[in-house]
Amino acid sequence: MAKKLKITWVKSAIGFPKNQKLTVATLGLRKLHQTVIHDDNPAIRGMARTVCHLVTMEEIEA
């Protein structure tokens, strides 16, 4: 089965650079503690790695 990534926003982006705030928004996260599920691909992993101090990432089977 295809792997997916479960990404949860756990820390506020206030005080962090604008590019990190935009990355959180690009991942589809609008509110703190919101969770989104994306296909596992290098682009999504790179975005999540950029804001790894603000989000948690978990691999799931779907």
PDB file of N, CA and C in Angstrom:
ATOM      1  N   MET A   1       0.833  -1.183   0.000  1.00  0.00           N
ATOM      2  CA  MET A   1       0.000   0.000   0.000  1.00  0.00           C
ATOM      3  C   MET A   1       0.880   1.251   0.000  1.00  0.00           C
ATOM      4  N   ALA A   2       0.310   2.337  -0.429  1.00  0.00           N
ATOM      5  CA  ALA A   2       1.038   3.606  -0.493  1.00  0.00           C
ATOM      6  C   ALA A   2       1.204   4.186   0.904  1.00  0.00           C
ATOM      7  N   LYS A   3       2.366   4.777   1.120  1.00  0.00           N
ATOM      8  CA  LYS A   3       2.612   5.403   2.412  1.00  0.00           C
ATOM      9  C   LYS A   3       2.112   6.838   2.380  1.00  0.00           C
ATOM     10  N   LYS A   4       1.691   7.294   3.520  1.00  0.00           N
ATOM     11  CA  LYS A   4       1.235   8.671   3.681  1.00  0.00           C
ATOM     12  C   LYS A   4       1.912   9.255   4.909  1.00  0.00           C
ATOM     13  N   LEU A   5       1.922  10.574   4.977  1.00  0.00           N
ATOM     14  CA  LEU A   5       2.485  11.282   6.116  1.00  0.00           C
ATOM     15  C   LEU A   5       1.368  12.005   6.858  1.00  0.00           C
ATOM     16  N   LYS A   6       1.345  11.820   8.162  1.00  0.00           N
ATOM     17  CA  LYS A   6       0.394  12.517   9.018  1.00  0.00           C
ATOM     18  C   LYS A   6       1.185  13.644   9.691  1.00  0.00           C
ATOM     19  N   ILE A   7       0.833  14.886   9.379  1.00  0.00           N
ATOM     20  CA  ILE A   7       1.574  16.039   9.876  1.00  0.00           C
ATOM     21  C   ILE A   7       0.654  16.847  10.778  1.00  0.00           C
ATOM     22  N   THR A   8       1.111  17.112  12.010  1.00  0.00           N
ATOM     23  CA  THR A   8       0.334  17.855  12.991  1.00  0.00           C
ATOM     24  C   THR A   8       1.102  19.102  13.403  1.00  0.00           C
ATOM     25  N   TRP A   9       0.434  20.235  13.399  1.00  0.00           N
ATOM     26  CA  TRP A   9       1.035  21.498  13.808  1.00  0.00           C
ATOM     27  C   TRP A   9       0.964  21.580  15.327  1.00  0.00           C
ATOM     28  N   VAL A  10       2.130  21.633  16.005  1.00  0.00           N
ATOM     29  CA  VAL A  10       2.147  21.582  17.461  1.00  0.00           C
ATOM     30  C   VAL A  10       2.717  22.821  18.143  1.00  0.00           C
ATOM     31  N   LYS A  11       3.388  23.708  17.402  1.00  0.00           N
ATOM     32  CA  LYS A  11       3.976  24.898  18.015  1.00  0.00           C
ATOM     33  C   LYS A  11       3.703  26.102  17.121  1.00  0.00           C
ATOM     34  N   SER A  12       3.375  27.226  17.744  1.00  0.00           N
ATOM     35  CA  SER A  12       3.046  28.438  17.007  1.00  0.00           C
ATOM     36  C   SER A  12       4.224  28.929  16.176  1.00  0.00           C
ATOM     37  N   ALA A  13       3.918  29.535  15.047  1.00  0.00           N
ATOM     38  CA  ALA A  13       4.941  30.067  14.147  1.00  0.00           C
ATOM     39  C   ALA A  13       5.257  31.534  14.437  1.00  0.00           C
ATOM     40  N   ILE A  14       4.670  32.095  15.479  1.00  0.00           N
ATOM     41  CA  ILE A  14       4.944  33.483  15.836  1.00  0.00           C
ATOM     42  C   ILE A  14       6.414  33.615  16.208  1.00  0.00           C
ATOM     43  N   GLY A  15       7.066  34.607  15.630  1.00  0.00           N
ATOM     44  CA  GLY A  15       8.470  34.853  15.930  1.00  0.00           C
ATOM     45  C   GLY A  15       9.428  34.111  15.016  1.00  0.00           C
ATOM     46  N   PHE A  16       8.914  33.315  14.104  1.00  0.00           N
ATOM     47  CA  PHE A  16       9.756  32.587  13.165  1.00  0.00           C
ATOM     48  C   PHE A  16       9.711  33.290  11.806  1.00  0.00           C
ATOM     49  N   PRO A  17      10.692  33.035  10.950  1.00  0.00           N
ATOM     50  CA  PRO A  17      10.752  33.710   9.651  1.00  0.00           C
ATOM     51  C   PRO A  17       9.499  33.471   8.799  1.00  0.00           C
ATOM     52  N   LYS A  18       9.246  34.419   7.908  1.00  0.00           N
ATOM     53  CA  LYS A  18       8.052  34.366   7.064  1.00  0.00           C
ATOM     54  C   LYS A  18       8.014  33.115   6.195  1.00  0.00           C
ATOM     55  N   ASN A  19       9.181  32.651   5.717  1.00  0.00           N
ATOM     56  CA  ASN A  19       9.182  31.468   4.860  1.00  0.00           C
ATOM     57  C   ASN A  19       8.695  30.236   5.623  1.00  0.00           C
ATOM     58  N   GLN A  20       8.955  30.177   6.931  1.00  0.00           N
ATOM     59  CA  GLN A  20       8.468  29.039   7.711  1.00  0.00           C
ATOM     60  C   GLN A  20       6.965  29.133   7.931  1.00  0.00           C
ATOM     61  N   LYS A  21       6.459  30.343   8.123  1.00  0.00           N
ATOM     62  CA  LYS A  21       5.008  30.517   8.250  1.00  0.00           C
ATOM     63  C   LYS A  21       4.311  30.117   6.957  1.00  0.00           C
ATOM     64  N   LEU A  22       4.892  30.496   5.827  1.00  0.00           N
ATOM     65  CA  LEU A  22       4.318  30.137   4.534  1.00  0.00           C
ATOM     66  C   LEU A  22       4.388  28.631   4.285  1.00  0.00           C
ATOM     67  N   THR A  23       5.453  27.996   4.750  1.00  0.00           N
ATOM     68  CA  THR A  23       5.578  26.544   4.594  1.00  0.00           C
ATOM     69  C   THR A  23       4.490  25.822   5.373  1.00  0.00           C
ATOM     70  N   VAL A  24       4.211  26.282   6.593  1.00  0.00           N
ATOM     71  CA  VAL A  24       3.133  25.684   7.394  1.00  0.00           C
ATOM     72  C   VAL A  24       1.807  25.831   6.653  1.00  0.00           C
ATOM     73  N   ALA A  25       1.559  27.014   6.093  1.00  0.00           N
ATOM     74  CA  ALA A  25       0.311  27.239   5.364  1.00  0.00           C
ATOM     75  C   ALA A  25       0.252  26.388   4.093  1.00  0.00           C
ATOM     76  N   THR A  26       1.378  26.234   3.411  1.00  0.00           N
ATOM     77  CA  THR A  26       1.424  25.434   2.188  1.00  0.00           C
ATOM     78  C   THR A  26       1.141  23.964   2.468  1.00  0.00           C
ATOM     79  N   LEU A  27       1.511  23.497   3.641  1.00  0.00           N
ATOM     80  CA  LEU A  27       1.206  22.124   4.033  1.00  0.00           C
ATOM     81  C   LEU A  27      -0.292  21.932   4.288  1.00  0.00           C
ATOM     82  N   GLY A  28      -1.040  23.030   4.350  1.00  0.00           N
ATOM     83  CA  GLY A  28      -2.481  22.935   4.553  1.00  0.00           C
ATOM     84  C   GLY A  28      -2.892  23.102   5.995  1.00  0.00           C
ATOM     85  N   LEU A  29      -1.973  23.551   6.833  1.00  0.00           N
ATOM     86  CA  LEU A  29      -2.268  23.722   8.251  1.00  0.00           C
ATOM     87  C   LEU A  29      -2.730  25.151   8.500  1.00  0.00           C
ATOM     88  N   ARG A  30      -3.912  25.297   9.101  1.00  0.00           N
ATOM     89  CA  ARG A  30      -4.471  26.623   9.350  1.00  0.00           C
ATOM     90  C   ARG A  30      -4.552  26.949  10.834  1.00  0.00           C
ATOM     91  N   LYS A  31      -4.747  25.947  11.668  1.00  0.00           N
ATOM     92  CA  LYS A  31      -4.888  26.174  13.109  1.00  0.00           C
ATOM     93  C   LYS A  31      -3.940  25.263  13.870  1.00  0.00           C
ATOM     94  N   LEU A  32      -3.525  25.722  15.019  1.00  0.00           N
ATOM     95  CA  LEU A  32      -2.663  24.938  15.886  1.00  0.00           C
ATOM     96  C   LEU A  32      -3.355  23.626  16.263  1.00  0.00           C
ATOM     97  N   HIS A  33      -2.610  22.554  16.311  1.00  0.00           N
ATOM     98  CA  HIS A  33      -3.079  21.196  16.637  1.00  0.00           C
ATOM     99  C   HIS A  33      -3.934  20.583  15.538  1.00  0.00           C
ATOM    100  N   GLN A  34      -3.918  21.173  14.353  1.00  0.00           N
ATOM    101  CA  GLN A  34      -4.616  20.596  13.204  1.00  0.00           C
ATOM    102  C   GLN A  34      -3.724  19.525  12.579  1.00  0.00           C
ATOM    103  N   THR A  35      -4.328  18.493  12.045  1.00  0.00           N
ATOM    104  CA  THR A  35      -3.600  17.401  11.403  1.00  0.00           C
ATOM    105  C   THR A  35      -4.034  17.297   9.946  1.00  0.00           C
ATOM    106  N   VAL A  36      -3.047  17.091   9.074  1.00  0.00           N
ATOM    107  CA  VAL A  36      -3.324  16.851   7.664  1.00  0.00           C
ATOM    108  C   VAL A  36      -2.593  15.582   7.238  1.00  0.00           C
ATOM    109  N   ILE A  37      -3.095  14.950   6.187  1.00  0.00           N
ATOM    110  CA  ILE A  37      -2.469  13.741   5.663  1.00  0.00           C
ATOM    111  C   ILE A  37      -2.108  14.003   4.208  1.00  0.00           C
ATOM    112  N   HIS A  38      -0.833  13.764   3.883  1.00  0.00           N
ATOM    113  CA  HIS A  38      -0.318  13.970   2.533  1.00  0.00           C
ATOM    114  C   HIS A  38       0.328  12.681   2.033  1.00  0.00           C
ATOM    115  N   ASP A  39       0.405  12.535   0.712  1.00  0.00           N
ATOM    116  CA  ASP A  39       1.167  11.440   0.133  1.00  0.00           C
ATOM    117  C   ASP A  39       2.640  11.625   0.494  1.00  0.00           C
ATOM    118  N   ASP A  40       3.331  10.529   0.697  1.00  0.00           N
ATOM    119  CA  ASP A  40       4.753  10.576   1.043  1.00  0.00           C
ATOM    120  C   ASP A  40       5.563  10.793  -0.230  1.00  0.00           C
ATOM    121  N   ASN A  41       6.100  11.995  -0.388  1.00  0.00           N
ATOM    122  CA  ASN A  41       6.970  12.287  -1.523  1.00  0.00           C
ATOM    123  C   ASN A  41       8.055  13.268  -1.065  1.00  0.00           C
ATOM    124  N   PRO A  42       9.126  13.417  -1.824  1.00  0.00           N
ATOM    125  CA  PRO A  42      10.243  14.268  -1.401  1.00  0.00           C
ATOM    126  C   PRO A  42       9.860  15.730  -1.163  1.00  0.00           C
ATOM    127  N   ALA A  43       8.916  16.261  -1.911  1.00  0.00           N
ATOM    128  CA  ALA A  43       8.526  17.660  -1.737  1.00  0.00           C
ATOM    129  C   ALA A  43       7.875  17.887  -0.373  1.00  0.00           C
ATOM    130  N   ILE A  44       6.952  17.008  -0.009  1.00  0.00           N
ATOM    131  CA  ILE A  44       6.266  17.140   1.279  1.00  0.00           C
ATOM    132  C   ILE A  44       7.247  16.898   2.422  1.00  0.00           C
ATOM    133  N   ARG A  45       8.116  15.901   2.279  1.00  0.00           N
ATOM    134  CA  ARG A  45       9.118  15.641   3.316  1.00  0.00           C
ATOM    135  C   ARG A  45      10.050  16.839   3.507  1.00  0.00           C
ATOM    136  N   GLY A  46      10.414  17.481   2.397  1.00  0.00           N
ATOM    137  CA  GLY A  46      11.286  18.648   2.496  1.00  0.00           C
ATOM    138  C   GLY A  46      10.612  19.798   3.217  1.00  0.00           C
ATOM    139  N   MET A  47       9.337  20.037   2.912  1.00  0.00           N
ATOM    140  CA  MET A  47       8.602  21.098   3.604  1.00  0.00           C
ATOM    141  C   MET A  47       8.467  20.789   5.089  1.00  0.00           C
ATOM    142  N   ALA A  48       8.161  19.541   5.409  1.00  0.00           N
ATOM    143  CA  ALA A  48       8.016  19.160   6.811  1.00  0.00           C
ATOM    144  C   ALA A  48       9.357  19.261   7.543  1.00  0.00           C
ATOM    145  N   ARG A  49      10.436  18.943   6.855  1.00  0.00           N
ATOM    146  CA  ARG A  49      11.759  19.046   7.467  1.00  0.00           C
ATOM    147  C   ARG A  49      12.131  20.504   7.737  1.00  0.00           C
ATOM    148  N   THR A  50      11.675  21.413   6.872  1.00  0.00           N
ATOM    149  CA  THR A  50      11.943  22.834   7.047  1.00  0.00           C
ATOM    150  C   THR A  50      11.316  23.371   8.334  1.00  0.00           C
ATOM    151  N   VAL A  51      10.161  22.855   8.693  1.00  0.00           N
ATOM    152  CA  VAL A  51       9.466  23.325   9.898  1.00  0.00           C
ATOM    153  C   VAL A  51       9.359  22.208  10.944  1.00  0.00           C
ATOM    154  N   CYS A  52      10.358  21.357  11.006  1.00  0.00           N
ATOM    155  CA  CYS A  52      10.306  20.200  11.910  1.00  0.00           C
ATOM    156  C   CYS A  52      10.204  20.610  13.386  1.00  0.00           C
ATOM    157  N   HIS A  53      10.620  21.822  13.717  1.00  0.00           N
ATOM    158  CA  HIS A  53      10.524  22.305  15.093  1.00  0.00           C
ATOM    159  C   HIS A  53       9.113  22.812  15.415  1.00  0.00           C
ATOM    160  N   LEU A  54       8.254  22.903  14.406  1.00  0.00           N
ATOM    161  CA  LEU A  54       6.883  23.378  14.599  1.00  0.00           C
ATOM    162  C   LEU A  54       5.844  22.279  14.419  1.00  0.00           C
ATOM    163  N   VAL A  55       6.205  21.185  13.770  1.00  0.00           N
ATOM    164  CA  VAL A  55       5.240  20.131  13.468  1.00  0.00           C
ATOM    165  C   VAL A  55       5.782  18.770  13.911  1.00  0.00           C
ATOM    166  N   THR A  56       4.863  17.817  14.025  1.00  0.00           N
ATOM    167  CA  THR A  56       5.264  16.421  14.210  1.00  0.00           C
ATOM    168  C   THR A  56       4.859  15.679  12.938  1.00  0.00           C
ATOM    169  N   MET A  57       5.672  14.707  12.557  1.00  0.00           N
ATOM    170  CA  MET A  57       5.426  13.974  11.332  1.00  0.00           C
ATOM    171  C   MET A  57       5.439  12.481  11.643  1.00  0.00           C
ATOM    172  N   GLU A  58       4.477  11.757  11.094  1.00  0.00           N
ATOM    173  CA  GLU A  58       4.331  10.331  11.361  1.00  0.00           C
ATOM    174  C   GLU A  58       3.968   9.620  10.065  1.00  0.00           C
ATOM    175  N   GLU A  59       4.643   8.508   9.782  1.00  0.00           N
ATOM    176  CA  GLU A  59       4.310   7.713   8.600  1.00  0.00           C
ATOM    177  C   GLU A  59       3.147   6.797   8.918  1.00  0.00           C
ATOM    178  N   ILE A  60       2.198   6.721   7.982  1.00  0.00           N
ATOM    179  CA  ILE A  60       1.072   5.809   8.161  1.00  0.00           C
ATOM    180  C   ILE A  60       0.863   5.038   6.871  1.00  0.00           C
ATOM    181  N   GLU A  61       0.275   3.871   6.985  1.00  0.00           N
ATOM    182  CA  GLU A  61      -0.071   3.059   5.818  1.00  0.00           C
ATOM    183  C   GLU A  61      -1.501   3.394   5.438  1.00  0.00           C
ATOM    184  N   ALA A  62      -1.722   3.606   4.157  1.00  0.00           N
ATOM    185  CA  ALA A  62      -3.091   3.923   3.733  1.00  0.00           C
ATOM    186  C   ALA A  62      -3.465   3.101   2.517  1.00  0.00           C
TER     187      ALA A  62
END
